[in-house]
PDB file of N, CA and C in Angstrom:
ATOM      1  N   GLN A   1     -20.206  -2.582  -1.886  1.00  0.00           N
ATOM      2  CA  GLN A   1     -18.791  -1.478  -1.224  1.00  0.00           C
ATOM      3  C   GLN A   1     -17.586  -2.315  -0.405  1.00  0.00           C
ATOM      4  N   VAL A   2     -16.199  -1.882  -0.590  1.00  0.00           N
ATOM      5  CA  VAL A   2     -15.682  -2.361  -0.101  1.00  0.00           C
ATOM      6  C   VAL A   2     -15.336  -0.651   0.820  1.00  0.00           C
ATOM      7  N   GLN A   3     -14.395  -0.998   2.267  1.00  0.00           N
ATOM      8  CA  GLN A   3     -14.155   0.265   3.257  1.00  0.00           C
ATOM      9  C   GLN A   3     -12.588  -0.087   3.561  1.00  0.00           C
ATOM     10  N   LEU A   4     -11.988   0.808   3.418  1.00  0.00           N
ATOM     11  CA  LEU A   4     -10.534   0.474   3.306  1.00  0.00           C
ATOM     12  C   LEU A   4      -9.886   1.614   4.535  1.00  0.00           C
ATOM     13  N   VAL A   5      -9.081   0.710   5.319  1.00  0.00           N
ATOM     14  CA  VAL A   5      -8.691   2.312   5.879  1.00  0.00           C
ATOM     15  C   VAL A   5      -6.969   1.815   6.444  1.00  0.00           C
ATOM     16  N   GLU A   6      -6.834   3.218   6.130  1.00  0.00           N
ATOM     17  CA  GLU A   6      -4.982   2.927   6.392  1.00  0.00           C
ATOM     18  C   GLU A   6      -4.133   3.681   7.272  1.00  0.00           C
ATOM     19  N   SER A   7      -3.216   2.810   7.581  1.00  0.00           N
ATOM     20  CA  SER A   7      -2.709   3.644   8.849  1.00  0.00           C
ATOM     21  C   SER A   7      -1.117   3.394   8.974  1.00  0.00           C
ATOM     22  N   GLY A   8      -0.280   4.438   9.745  1.00  0.00           N
ATOM     23  CA  GLY A   8       1.310   3.584   9.675  1.00  0.00           C
ATOM     24  C   GLY A   8       2.096   5.002   8.780  1.00  0.00           C
ATOM     25  N   GLY A   9       1.315   5.682   7.838  1.00  0.00           N
ATOM     26  CA  GLY A   9       1.684   7.146   7.919  1.00  0.00           C
ATOM     27  C   GLY A   9       2.479   7.494   8.457  1.00  0.00           C
ATOM     28  N   GLY A  10       3.869   8.904   7.791  1.00  0.00           N
ATOM     29  CA  GLY A  10       4.349   9.743   9.758  1.00  0.00           C
ATOM     30  C   GLY A  10       5.163  10.134   8.072  1.00  0.00           C
ATOM     31  N   LEU A  11       6.401  10.586   8.806  1.00  0.00           N
ATOM     32  CA  LEU A  11       7.226  11.452   8.440  1.00  0.00           C
ATOM     33  C   LEU A  11       8.599  10.600   9.209  1.00  0.00           C
ATOM     34  N   VAL A  12       9.786  10.395   8.274  1.00  0.00           N
ATOM     35  CA  VAL A  12      10.943   9.563   8.806  1.00  0.00           C
ATOM     36  C   VAL A  12      12.151  10.032   8.176  1.00  0.00           C
ATOM     37  N   GLN A  13      13.315   9.822   8.469  1.00  0.00           N
ATOM     38  CA  GLN A  13      14.701  10.515   7.814  1.00  0.00           C
ATOM     39  C   GLN A  13      14.884   8.918   6.917  1.00  0.00           C
ATOM     40  N   PRO A  14      15.673   9.960   5.863  1.00  0.00           N
ATOM     41  CA  PRO A  14      16.242   8.916   4.841  1.00  0.00           C
ATOM     42  C   PRO A  14      17.048   7.457   5.950  1.00  0.00           C
ATOM     43  N   GLY A  15      16.824   6.001   5.315  1.00  0.00           N
ATOM     44  CA  GLY A  15      16.935   5.347   5.893  1.00  0.00           C
ATOM     45  C   GLY A  15      16.346   4.440   6.284  1.00  0.00           C
ATOM     46  N   GLY A  16      15.492   5.127   6.975  1.00  0.00           N
ATOM     47  CA  GLY A  16      14.326   4.558   8.041  1.00  0.00           C
ATOM     48  C   GLY A  16      13.168   3.751   7.468  1.00  0.00           C
ATOM     49  N   SER A  17      12.637   3.459   8.339  1.00  0.00           N
ATOM     50  CA  SER A  17      11.448   2.416   7.819  1.00  0.00           C
ATOM     51  C   SER A  17      10.627   3.293   8.212  1.00  0.00           C
ATOM     52  N   LEU A  18       8.912   2.077   7.996  1.00  0.00           N
ATOM     53  CA  LEU A  18       7.636   2.819   8.127  1.00  0.00           C
ATOM     54  C   LEU A  18       6.921   1.289   7.349  1.00  0.00           C
ATOM     55  N   ARG A  19       5.797   0.874   7.836  1.00  0.00           N
ATOM     56  CA  ARG A  19       4.439   0.171   7.764  1.00  0.00           C
ATOM     57  C   ARG A  19       3.868   0.602   7.891  1.00  0.00           C
ATOM     58  N   LEU A  20       3.040   0.107   6.554  1.00  0.00           N
ATOM     59  CA  LEU A  20       2.093   0.866   6.317  1.00  0.00           C
ATOM     60  C   LEU A  20       0.387  -0.697   6.771  1.00  0.00           C
ATOM     61  N   SER A  21      -0.524  -0.383   7.096  1.00  0.00           N
ATOM     62  CA  SER A  21      -1.669  -1.254   6.770  1.00  0.00           C
ATOM     63  C   SER A  21      -3.326  -0.656   6.615  1.00  0.00           C
ATOM     64  N   CYS A  22      -3.216  -1.877   6.099  1.00  0.00           N
ATOM     65  CA  CYS A  22      -4.856  -1.107   5.300  1.00  0.00           C
ATOM     66  C   CYS A  22      -6.432  -2.999   5.701  1.00  0.00           C
ATOM     67  N   ALA A  23      -6.854  -2.142   6.093  1.00  0.00           N
ATOM     68  CA  ALA A  23      -8.457  -3.262   6.971  1.00  0.00           C
ATOM     69  C   ALA A  23      -9.343  -2.815   5.821  1.00  0.00           C
ATOM     70  N   ALA A  24      -9.240  -4.003   5.333  1.00  0.00           N
ATOM     71  CA  ALA A  24     -10.739  -4.086   4.611  1.00  0.00           C
ATOM     72  C   ALA A  24     -12.228  -4.810   4.885  1.00  0.00           C
ATOM     73  N   SER A  25     -12.723  -3.618   5.044  1.00  0.00           N
ATOM     74  CA  SER A  25     -14.288  -4.588   5.308  1.00  0.00           C
ATOM     75  C   SER A  25     -15.523  -4.038   4.907  1.00  0.00           C
ATOM     76  N   GLY A  26     -16.373  -4.975   5.101  1.00  0.00           N
ATOM     77  CA  GLY A  26     -17.742  -4.439   3.793  1.00  0.00           C
ATOM     78  C   GLY A  26     -17.670  -6.008   2.937  1.00  0.00           C
ATOM     79  N   ALA A  27     -18.201  -6.035   1.707  1.00  0.00           N
ATOM     80  CA  ALA A  27     -18.353  -6.961   0.657  1.00  0.00           C
ATOM     81  C   ALA A  27     -16.500  -7.604   0.441  1.00  0.00           C
ATOM     82  N   ILE A  28     -16.566  -8.360   1.078  1.00  0.00           N
ATOM     83  CA  ILE A  28     -14.933  -8.866   0.194  1.00  0.00           C
ATOM     84  C   ILE A  28     -15.067  -9.974  -0.412  1.00  0.00           C
ATOM     85  N   ALA A  29     -13.894 -10.236  -1.957  1.00  0.00           N
ATOM     86  CA  ALA A  29     -14.164 -10.795  -2.064  1.00  0.00           C
ATOM     87  C   ALA A  29     -12.533 -11.601  -1.873  1.00  0.00           C
ATOM     88  N   SER A  30     -13.654 -13.230  -1.475  1.00  0.00           N
ATOM     89  CA  SER A  30     -11.843 -13.739  -1.585  1.00  0.00           C
ATOM     90  C   SER A  30     -11.053 -13.744  -3.090  1.00  0.00           C
ATOM     91  N   GLY A  31     -11.400 -13.885  -3.274  1.00  0.00           N
ATOM     92  CA  GLY A  31     -10.597 -13.851  -3.895  1.00  0.00           C
ATOM     93  C   GLY A  31      -9.557 -12.597  -4.688  1.00  0.00           C
ATOM     94  N   ALA A  32     -10.280 -11.567  -3.890  1.00  0.00           N
ATOM     95  CA  ALA A  32      -9.465 -10.431  -4.838  1.00  0.00           C
ATOM     96  C   ALA A  32      -7.961  -9.957  -3.889  1.00  0.00           C
ATOM     97  N   ALA A  33      -7.510  -9.213  -5.231  1.00  0.00           N
ATOM     98  CA  ALA A  33      -6.230  -9.101  -4.852  1.00  0.00           C
ATOM     99  C   ALA A  33      -5.922  -7.787  -4.312  1.00  0.00           C
ATOM    100  N   MET A  34      -5.056  -6.805  -3.945  1.00  0.00           N
ATOM    101  CA  MET A  34      -5.256  -5.573  -3.040  1.00  0.00           C
ATOM    102  C   MET A  34      -3.512  -5.338  -2.978  1.00  0.00           C
ATOM    103  N   GLY A  35      -2.912  -3.969  -2.484  1.00  0.00           N
ATOM    104  CA  GLY A  35      -2.407  -3.981  -3.140  1.00  0.00           C
ATOM    105  C   GLY A  35      -2.594  -1.676  -2.708  1.00  0.00           C
ATOM    106  N   TRP A  36      -0.780  -1.457  -3.058  1.00  0.00           N
ATOM    107  CA  TRP A  36      -0.695  -0.092  -2.834  1.00  0.00           C
ATOM    108  C   TRP A  36      -0.012   0.698  -3.656  1.00  0.00           C
ATOM    109  N   TYR A  37      -1.094   1.768  -4.072  1.00  0.00           N
ATOM    110  CA  TYR A  37      -0.543   3.205  -5.048  1.00  0.00           C
ATOM    111  C   TYR A  37       0.559   4.327  -4.790  1.00  0.00           C
ATOM    112  N   ARG A  38       0.808   5.015  -4.677  1.00  0.00           N
ATOM    113  CA  ARG A  38       1.479   6.529  -4.455  1.00  0.00           C
ATOM    114  C   ARG A  38       1.093   7.706  -5.544  1.00  0.00           C
ATOM    115  N   GLN A  39       0.979   8.429  -4.470  1.00  0.00           N
ATOM    116  CA  GLN A  39       0.903   9.364  -5.616  1.00  0.00           C
ATOM    117  C   GLN A  39       1.706  10.655  -5.091  1.00  0.00           C
ATOM    118  N   ASP A  40       2.583  11.557  -6.241  1.00  0.00           N
ATOM    119  CA  ASP A  40       2.441  12.717  -6.031  1.00  0.00           C
ATOM    120  C   ASP A  40       2.354  14.208  -6.571  1.00  0.00           C
ATOM    121  N   PRO A  41       2.180  14.913  -6.306  1.00  0.00           N
ATOM    122  CA  PRO A  41       1.526  16.119  -6.566  1.00  0.00           C
ATOM    123  C   PRO A  41       1.814  16.518  -7.458  1.00  0.00           C
ATOM    124  N   GLY A  42       0.414  16.757  -8.216  1.00  0.00           N
ATOM    125  CA  GLY A  42       0.782  17.182 -10.254  1.00  0.00           C
ATOM    126  C   GLY A  42       0.942  15.419 -10.776  1.00  0.00           C
ATOM    127  N   LYS A  43       1.325  14.812 -10.154  1.00  0.00           N
ATOM    128  CA  LYS A  43       2.205  13.094 -11.130  1.00  0.00           C
ATOM    129  C   LYS A  43       0.502  12.476 -10.974  1.00  0.00           C
ATOM    130  N   GLU A  44       0.827  11.108 -11.377  1.00  0.00           N
ATOM    131  CA  GLU A  44      -0.088  10.017 -11.664  1.00  0.00           C
ATOM    132  C   GLU A  44      -0.253   9.128 -10.515  1.00  0.00           C
ATOM    133  N   ARG A  45      -1.329   8.320 -10.644  1.00  0.00           N
ATOM    134  CA  ARG A  45      -0.455   7.861  -9.597  1.00  0.00           C
ATOM    135  C   ARG A  45      -0.610   6.788  -9.853  1.00  0.00           C
ATOM    136  N   SER A  46       0.416   5.359  -8.650  1.00  0.00           N
ATOM    137  CA  SER A  46       1.235   5.018  -9.458  1.00  0.00           C
ATOM    138  C   SER A  46       1.387   3.548  -8.525  1.00  0.00           C
ATOM    139  N   VAL A  47       1.670   2.279  -9.450  1.00  0.00           N
ATOM    140  CA  VAL A  47       1.738   1.078  -8.480  1.00  0.00           C
ATOM    141  C   VAL A  47       3.204   1.034  -7.446  1.00  0.00           C
ATOM    142  N   VAL A  48       2.810   0.354  -6.495  1.00  0.00           N
ATOM    143  CA  VAL A  48       3.990   0.202  -5.464  1.00  0.00           C
ATOM    144  C   VAL A  48       4.500  -1.282  -5.462  1.00  0.00           C
ATOM    145  N   ALA A  49       3.124  -1.590  -5.179  1.00  0.00           N
ATOM    146  CA  ALA A  49       3.254  -3.261  -5.096  1.00  0.00           C
ATOM    147  C   ALA A  49       1.762  -3.679  -5.030  1.00  0.00           C
ATOM    148  N   ASP A  50       1.797  -5.322  -5.214  1.00  0.00           N
ATOM    149  CA  ASP A  50      -0.160  -5.316  -5.284  1.00  0.00           C
ATOM    150  C   ASP A  50       0.396  -7.011  -5.452  1.00  0.00           C
ATOM    151  N   ILE A  51      -1.081  -7.787  -3.949  1.00  0.00           N
ATOM    152  CA  ILE A  51      -0.270  -9.500  -3.695  1.00  0.00           C
ATOM    153  C   ILE A  51      -1.582  -9.785  -4.054  1.00  0.00           C
ATOM    154  N   SER A  52      -1.723 -11.236  -5.111  1.00  0.00           N
ATOM    155  CA  SER A  52      -2.874 -11.346  -5.085  1.00  0.00           C
ATOM    156  C   SER A  52      -3.816 -12.118  -4.008  1.00  0.00           C
ATOM    157  N   SER A  53      -4.634 -12.711  -3.946  1.00  0.00           N
ATOM    158  CA  SER A  53      -5.215 -13.852  -2.863  1.00  0.00           C
ATOM    159  C   SER A  53      -4.387 -14.893  -2.496  1.00  0.00           C
ATOM    160  N   SER A  54      -4.070 -15.469  -3.064  1.00  0.00           N
ATOM    161  CA  SER A  54      -3.020 -16.420  -3.258  1.00  0.00           C
ATOM    162  C   SER A  54      -1.105 -16.360  -2.319  1.00  0.00           C
ATOM    163  N   GLY A  55      -1.311 -14.899  -2.377  1.00  0.00           N
ATOM    164  CA  GLY A  55       0.206 -14.384  -2.888  1.00  0.00           C
ATOM    165  C   GLY A  55       1.045 -14.134  -3.263  1.00  0.00           C
ATOM    166  N   ILE A  56       0.675 -13.919  -4.649  1.00  0.00           N
ATOM    167  CA  ILE A  56       2.120 -13.659  -4.935  1.00  0.00           C
ATOM    168  C   ILE A  56       2.253 -11.469  -5.651  1.00  0.00           C
ATOM    169  N   THR A  57       3.256 -12.347  -5.476  1.00  0.00           N
ATOM    170  CA  THR A  57       4.124 -10.112  -5.495  1.00  0.00           C
ATOM    171  C   THR A  57       3.874  -9.980  -6.330  1.00  0.00           C
ATOM    172  N   TYR A  58       3.762  -8.435  -6.829  1.00  0.00           N
ATOM    173  CA  TYR A  58       4.451  -7.658  -7.647  1.00  0.00           C
ATOM    174  C   TYR A  58       4.686  -6.263  -7.292  1.00  0.00           C
ATOM    175  N   TYR A  59       6.167  -5.667  -7.492  1.00  0.00           N
ATOM    176  CA  TYR A  59       7.246  -4.594  -6.719  1.00  0.00           C
ATOM    177  C   TYR A  59       7.433  -3.562  -8.120  1.00  0.00           C
ATOM    178  N   ALA A  60       6.956  -2.676  -7.871  1.00  0.00           N
ATOM    179  CA  ALA A  60       7.398  -1.555  -9.521  1.00  0.00           C
ATOM    180  C   ALA A  60       9.372  -1.741  -8.715  1.00  0.00           C
ATOM    181  N   ASP A  61       9.591  -1.660 -10.027  1.00  0.00           N
ATOM    182  CA  ASP A  61      11.473  -1.737  -9.859  1.00  0.00           C
ATOM    183  C   ASP A  61      12.127  -0.121  -8.918  1.00  0.00           C
ATOM    184  N   SER A  62      11.500   0.927  -8.657  1.00  0.00           N
ATOM    185  CA  SER A  62      11.926   1.807  -7.414  1.00  0.00           C
ATOM    186  C   SER A  62      11.863   1.664  -6.158  1.00  0.00           C
ATOM    187  N   VAL A  63      10.883   0.316  -6.075  1.00  0.00           N
ATOM    188  CA  VAL A  63      11.232  -0.015  -4.417  1.00  0.00           C
ATOM    189  C   VAL A  63      11.412  -2.421  -4.367  1.00  0.00           C
ATOM    190  N   LYS A  64      12.043  -2.687  -5.692  1.00  0.00           N
ATOM    191  CA  LYS A  64      12.037  -4.198  -4.705  1.00  0.00           C
ATOM    192  C   LYS A  64      13.453  -3.994  -4.531  1.00  0.00           C
ATOM    193  N   GLY A  65      12.986  -4.688  -3.340  1.00  0.00           N
ATOM    194  CA  GLY A  65      14.241  -4.886  -2.773  1.00  0.00           C
ATOM    195  C   GLY A  65      14.063  -4.546  -1.406  1.00  0.00           C
ATOM    196  N   ARG A  66      13.559  -2.999  -1.416  1.00  0.00           N
ATOM    197  CA  ARG A  66      13.327  -2.345  -0.010  1.00  0.00           C
ATOM    198  C   ARG A  66      12.127  -2.720   0.813  1.00  0.00           C
ATOM    199  N   PHE A  67      10.929  -2.501  -0.233  1.00  0.00           N
ATOM    200  CA  PHE A  67       9.327  -2.553   0.582  1.00  0.00           C
ATOM    201  C   PHE A  67       9.300  -4.401   0.327  1.00  0.00           C
ATOM    202  N   THR A  68       8.537  -4.091   0.571  1.00  0.00           N
ATOM    203  CA  THR A  68       8.032  -6.020   1.021  1.00  0.00           C
ATOM    204  C   THR A  68       6.359  -6.217   1.456  1.00  0.00           C
ATOM    205  N   ILE A  69       5.805  -6.350   0.498  1.00  0.00           N
ATOM    206  CA  ILE A  69       4.010  -6.201   0.808  1.00  0.00           C
ATOM    207  C   ILE A  69       3.995  -7.282   1.491  1.00  0.00           C
ATOM    208  N   SER A  70       2.347  -7.824   2.044  1.00  0.00           N
ATOM    209  CA  SER A  70       1.856  -8.844   2.675  1.00  0.00           C
ATOM    210  C   SER A  70       0.649  -8.674   3.248  1.00  0.00           C
ATOM    211  N   ARG A  71      -0.209 -10.118   3.109  1.00  0.00           N
ATOM    212  CA  ARG A  71      -1.687  -9.709   3.996  1.00  0.00           C
ATOM    213  C   ARG A  71      -2.278 -10.803   5.086  1.00  0.00           C
ATOM    214  N   ASP A  72      -2.548 -10.773   5.278  1.00  0.00           N
ATOM    215  CA  ASP A  72      -3.527 -10.923   6.418  1.00  0.00           C
ATOM    216  C   ASP A  72      -5.016 -11.803   6.191  1.00  0.00           C
ATOM    217  N   ASN A  73      -5.417 -12.449   5.249  1.00  0.00           N
ATOM    218  CA  ASN A  73      -6.715 -12.867   4.923  1.00  0.00           C
ATOM    219  C   ASN A  73      -7.593 -13.078   5.989  1.00  0.00           C
ATOM    220  N   ALA A  74      -7.368 -13.554   6.977  1.00  0.00           N
ATOM    221  CA  ALA A  74      -8.035 -13.771   8.610  1.00  0.00           C
ATOM    222  C   ALA A  74      -8.437 -12.349   8.518  1.00  0.00           C
ATOM    223  N   LYS A  75      -7.670 -11.481   8.744  1.00  0.00           N
ATOM    224  CA  LYS A  75      -7.794 -10.435   9.367  1.00  0.00           C
ATOM    225  C   LYS A  75      -8.662  -8.821   8.309  1.00  0.00           C
ATOM    226  N   ASN A  76      -8.109  -9.752   6.855  1.00  0.00           N
ATOM    227  CA  ASN A  76      -8.953  -9.074   5.627  1.00  0.00           C
ATOM    228  C   ASN A  76      -7.961  -7.531   5.311  1.00  0.00           C
ATOM    229  N   THR A  77      -6.710  -8.172   6.130  1.00  0.00           N
ATOM    230  CA  THR A  77      -5.693  -6.703   6.360  1.00  0.00           C
ATOM    231  C   THR A  77      -4.098  -6.633   5.315  1.00  0.00           C
ATOM    232  N   VAL A  78      -3.673  -5.850   4.377  1.00  0.00           N
ATOM    233  CA  VAL A  78      -2.447  -5.800   4.023  1.00  0.00           C
ATOM    234  C   VAL A  78      -2.057  -5.515   4.055  1.00  0.00           C
ATOM    235  N   TYR A  79      -0.330  -4.637   4.256  1.00  0.00           N
ATOM    236  CA  TYR A  79       0.807  -3.897   5.373  1.00  0.00           C
ATOM    237  C   TYR A  79       1.871  -4.104   3.637  1.00  0.00           C
ATOM    238  N   LEU A  80       2.194  -2.767   4.049  1.00  0.00           N
ATOM    239  CA  LEU A  80       3.720  -2.203   3.494  1.00  0.00           C
ATOM    240  C   LEU A  80       4.305  -2.689   3.904  1.00  0.00           C
ATOM    241  N   GLN A  81       5.601  -3.050   4.105  1.00  0.00           N
ATOM    242  CA  GLN A  81       6.877  -2.524   5.127  1.00  0.00           C
ATOM    243  C   GLN A  81       8.224  -2.562   4.290  1.00  0.00           C
ATOM    244  N   MET A  82       8.320  -0.489   4.736  1.00  0.00           N
ATOM    245  CA  MET A  82       9.207   0.151   3.950  1.00  0.00           C
ATOM    246  C   MET A  82      10.104   0.004   3.905  1.00  0.00           C
ATOM    247  N   ASN A  83      11.344  -0.527   4.175  1.00  0.00           N
ATOM    248  CA  ASN A  83      12.437   0.562   4.830  1.00  0.00           C
ATOM    249  C   ASN A  83      13.796   0.270   3.590  1.00  0.00           C
ATOM    250  N   SER A  84      14.977   1.442   4.147  1.00  0.00           N
ATOM    251  CA  SER A  84      15.845   2.132   3.590  1.00  0.00           C
ATOM    252  C   SER A  84      14.960   3.532   3.023  1.00  0.00           C
ATOM    253  N   LEU A  85      14.437   3.739   3.649  1.00  0.00           N
ATOM    254  CA  LEU A  85      13.696   4.770   3.029  1.00  0.00           C
ATOM    255  C   LEU A  85      14.189   5.853   2.960  1.00  0.00           C
ATOM    256  N   LYS A  86      13.595   6.042   1.019  1.00  0.00           N
ATOM    257  CA  LYS A  86      14.622   7.838   0.712  1.00  0.00           C
ATOM    258  C   LYS A  86      13.741   8.726   0.295  1.00  0.00           C
ATOM    259  N   PRO A  87      14.043  10.159   0.914  1.00  0.00           N
ATOM    260  CA  PRO A  87      13.567  11.296  -0.283  1.00  0.00           C
ATOM    261  C   PRO A  87      12.440  10.757  -1.752  1.00  0.00           C
ATOM    262  N   GLU A  88      12.189   9.938  -2.636  1.00  0.00           N
ATOM    263  CA  GLU A  88      11.971   9.900  -3.629  1.00  0.00           C
ATOM    264  C   GLU A  88      10.435   9.077  -3.364  1.00  0.00           C
ATOM    265  N   ASP A  89      10.799   8.729  -2.077  1.00  0.00           N
ATOM    266  CA  ASP A  89       9.436   8.315  -2.063  1.00  0.00           C
ATOM    267  C   ASP A  89       8.431   8.200  -0.846  1.00  0.00           C
ATOM    268  N   THR A  90       8.813   9.660  -0.926  1.00  0.00           N
ATOM    269  CA  THR A  90       7.425  10.380  -0.135  1.00  0.00           C
ATOM    270  C   THR A  90       6.698  11.067  -0.984  1.00  0.00           C
ATOM    271  N   ALA A  91       5.805  10.518  -0.361  1.00  0.00           N
ATOM    272  CA  ALA A  91       3.874  10.376  -1.390  1.00  0.00           C
ATOM    273  C   ALA A  91       2.990  10.288  -0.813  1.00  0.00           C
ATOM    274  N   VAL A  92       1.462  10.052  -0.599  1.00  0.00           N
ATOM    275  CA  VAL A  92       0.437  10.019  -0.842  1.00  0.00           C
ATOM    276  C   VAL A  92       0.710   8.363  -1.169  1.00  0.00           C
ATOM    277  N   TYR A  93       0.147   7.335   0.095  1.00  0.00           N
ATOM    278  CA  TYR A  93       0.148   6.313  -0.099  1.00  0.00           C
ATOM    279  C   TYR A  93      -1.591   5.363  -0.320  1.00  0.00           C
ATOM    280  N   TYR A  94      -1.963   4.922  -0.983  1.00  0.00           N
ATOM    281  CA  TYR A  94      -3.186   4.467  -1.504  1.00  0.00           C
ATOM    282  C   TYR A  94      -3.734   2.755  -1.106  1.00  0.00           C
ATOM    283  N   CYS A  95      -4.062   2.270  -0.400  1.00  0.00           N
ATOM    284  CA  CYS A  95      -4.804   0.941  -0.275  1.00  0.00           C
ATOM    285  C   CYS A  95      -5.481   0.925  -1.327  1.00  0.00           C
ATOM    286  N   ILE A  96      -5.310  -0.185  -2.195  1.00  0.00           N
ATOM    287  CA  ILE A  96      -6.444  -0.697  -3.273  1.00  0.00           C
ATOM    288  C   ILE A  96      -7.182  -1.966  -3.219  1.00  0.00           C
ATOM    289  N   HIS A  97      -8.525  -2.219  -3.218  1.00  0.00           N
ATOM    290  CA  HIS A  97      -9.127  -4.217  -3.719  1.00  0.00           C
ATOM    291  C   HIS A  97      -9.624  -3.916  -4.371  1.00  0.00           C
ATOM    292  N   VAL A  98      -9.111  -4.937  -5.213  1.00  0.00           N
ATOM    293  CA  VAL A  98      -9.792  -5.042  -6.784  1.00  0.00           C
ATOM    294  C   VAL A  98     -10.568  -6.874  -6.547  1.00  0.00           C
ATOM    295  N   SER A  99     -11.863  -6.658  -7.286  1.00  0.00           N
ATOM    296  CA  SER A  99     -12.032  -8.039  -6.928  1.00  0.00           C
ATOM    297  C   SER A  99     -13.314  -8.106  -8.417  1.00  0.00           C
ATOM    298  N   THR A 100     -14.079  -8.785  -8.574  1.00  0.00           N
ATOM    299  CA  THR A 100     -15.454  -8.939  -9.830  1.00  0.00           C
ATOM    300  C   THR A 100     -16.253  -7.507  -9.450  1.00  0.00           C
ATOM    301  N   LEU A 101     -15.956  -6.671  -8.022  1.00  0.00           N
ATOM    302  CA  LEU A 101     -17.079  -6.118  -7.578  1.00  0.00           C
ATOM    303  C   LEU A 101     -16.582  -4.609  -8.088  1.00  0.00           C
ATOM    304  N   GLY A 102     -15.072  -4.662  -8.845  1.00  0.00           N
ATOM    305  CA  GLY A 102     -14.431  -3.118  -8.757  1.00  0.00           C
ATOM    306  C   GLY A 102     -13.203  -2.944  -8.076  1.00  0.00           C
ATOM    307  N   ARG A 103     -12.845  -1.859  -7.873  1.00  0.00           N
ATOM    308  CA  ARG A 103     -11.948  -1.196  -7.781  1.00  0.00           C
ATOM    309  C   ARG A 103     -12.432  -0.437  -6.893  1.00  0.00           C
ATOM    310  N   PHE A 104     -11.553  -0.260  -5.488  1.00  0.00           N
ATOM    311  CA  PHE A 104     -11.878   0.292  -4.052  1.00  0.00           C
ATOM    312  C   PHE A 104     -11.121   1.002  -3.459  1.00  0.00           C
ATOM    313  N   TRP A 105     -10.590   1.892  -2.951  1.00  0.00           N
ATOM    314  CA  TRP A 105      -9.366   3.034  -2.559  1.00  0.00           C
ATOM    315  C   TRP A 105      -9.836   3.160  -1.663  1.00  0.00           C
ATOM    316  N   GLY A 106      -8.983   2.865  -0.565  1.00  0.00           N
ATOM    317  CA  GLY A 106      -8.798   3.742   1.332  1.00  0.00           C
ATOM    318  C   GLY A 106      -8.677   5.103   0.363  1.00  0.00           C
ATOM    319  N   GLN A 107      -8.693   6.128   1.300  1.00  0.00           N
ATOM    320  CA  GLN A 107      -8.273   7.475   1.779  1.00  0.00           C
ATOM    321  C   GLN A 107      -7.414   8.116   1.834  1.00  0.00           C
ATOM    322  N   GLY A 108      -6.079   7.790   1.754  1.00  0.00           N
ATOM    323  CA  GLY A 108      -4.342   7.454   1.292  1.00  0.00           C
ATOM    324  C   GLY A 108      -3.773   8.054   2.710  1.00  0.00           C
ATOM    325  N   THR A 109      -2.438   7.692   2.979  1.00  0.00           N
ATOM    326  CA  THR A 109      -1.940   8.313   3.901  1.00  0.00           C
ATOM    327  C   THR A 109      -0.868   8.864   3.920  1.00  0.00           C
ATOM    328  N   GLN A 110      -0.088   9.685   4.468  1.00  0.00           N
ATOM    329  CA  GLN A 110       1.180  10.956   3.816  1.00  0.00           C
ATOM    330  C   GLN A 110       1.968   9.627   4.142  1.00  0.00           C
ATOM    331  N   VAL A 111       3.021   9.630   3.357  1.00  0.00           N
ATOM    332  CA  VAL A 111       4.648   8.861   4.003  1.00  0.00           C
ATOM    333  C   VAL A 111       5.497  10.248   3.469  1.00  0.00           C
ATOM    334  N   THR A 112       6.431  10.643   4.540  1.00  0.00           N
ATOM    335  CA  THR A 112       7.302  12.084   4.578  1.00  0.00           C
ATOM    336  C   THR A 112       8.804  11.261   4.426  1.00  0.00           C
ATOM    337  N   VAL A 113       9.386  11.302   3.658  1.00  0.00           N
ATOM    338  CA  VAL A 113      11.386  10.317   3.863  1.00  0.00           C
ATOM    339  C   VAL A 113      11.977  12.427   3.843  1.00  0.00           C
ATOM    340  N   SER A 114      12.343  12.402   4.810  1.00  0.00           N
ATOM    341  CA  SER A 114      13.407  13.913   5.278  1.00  0.00           C
ATOM    342  C   SER A 114      13.790  13.873   6.257  1.00  0.00           C
ATOM    343  N   SER A 115      15.129  14.862   5.909  1.00  0.00           N
ATOM    344  CA  SER A 115      15.722  14.881   7.621  1.00  0.00           C
ATOM    345  C   SER A 115      15.814  16.251   8.278  1.00  0.00           C
TER     346      SER A 115
END
């Protein structure tokens, strides 16, 4: 089992920034990919960004140029720096850890972009 604890969500005005963190513990695999998904009420969870163990990144088109994913393997932590936030970025953001052991999710953190 892998436990994931997210932090950093909150309320921010349009154009503002937030930084999400996700710390992993437990049966962490060295080759695991990590990432962030988000989900609006009534909608499916969709990928925001992910990063491989070697640092290769992927971004959804809607966040390219505004969000940056990074990871600190020594701390087993993945980050999501979110800049130029828009109201449509409002969602619950979930951290994910993917390895040969399976897919593990964090509990989610709410991000609300509103004036």
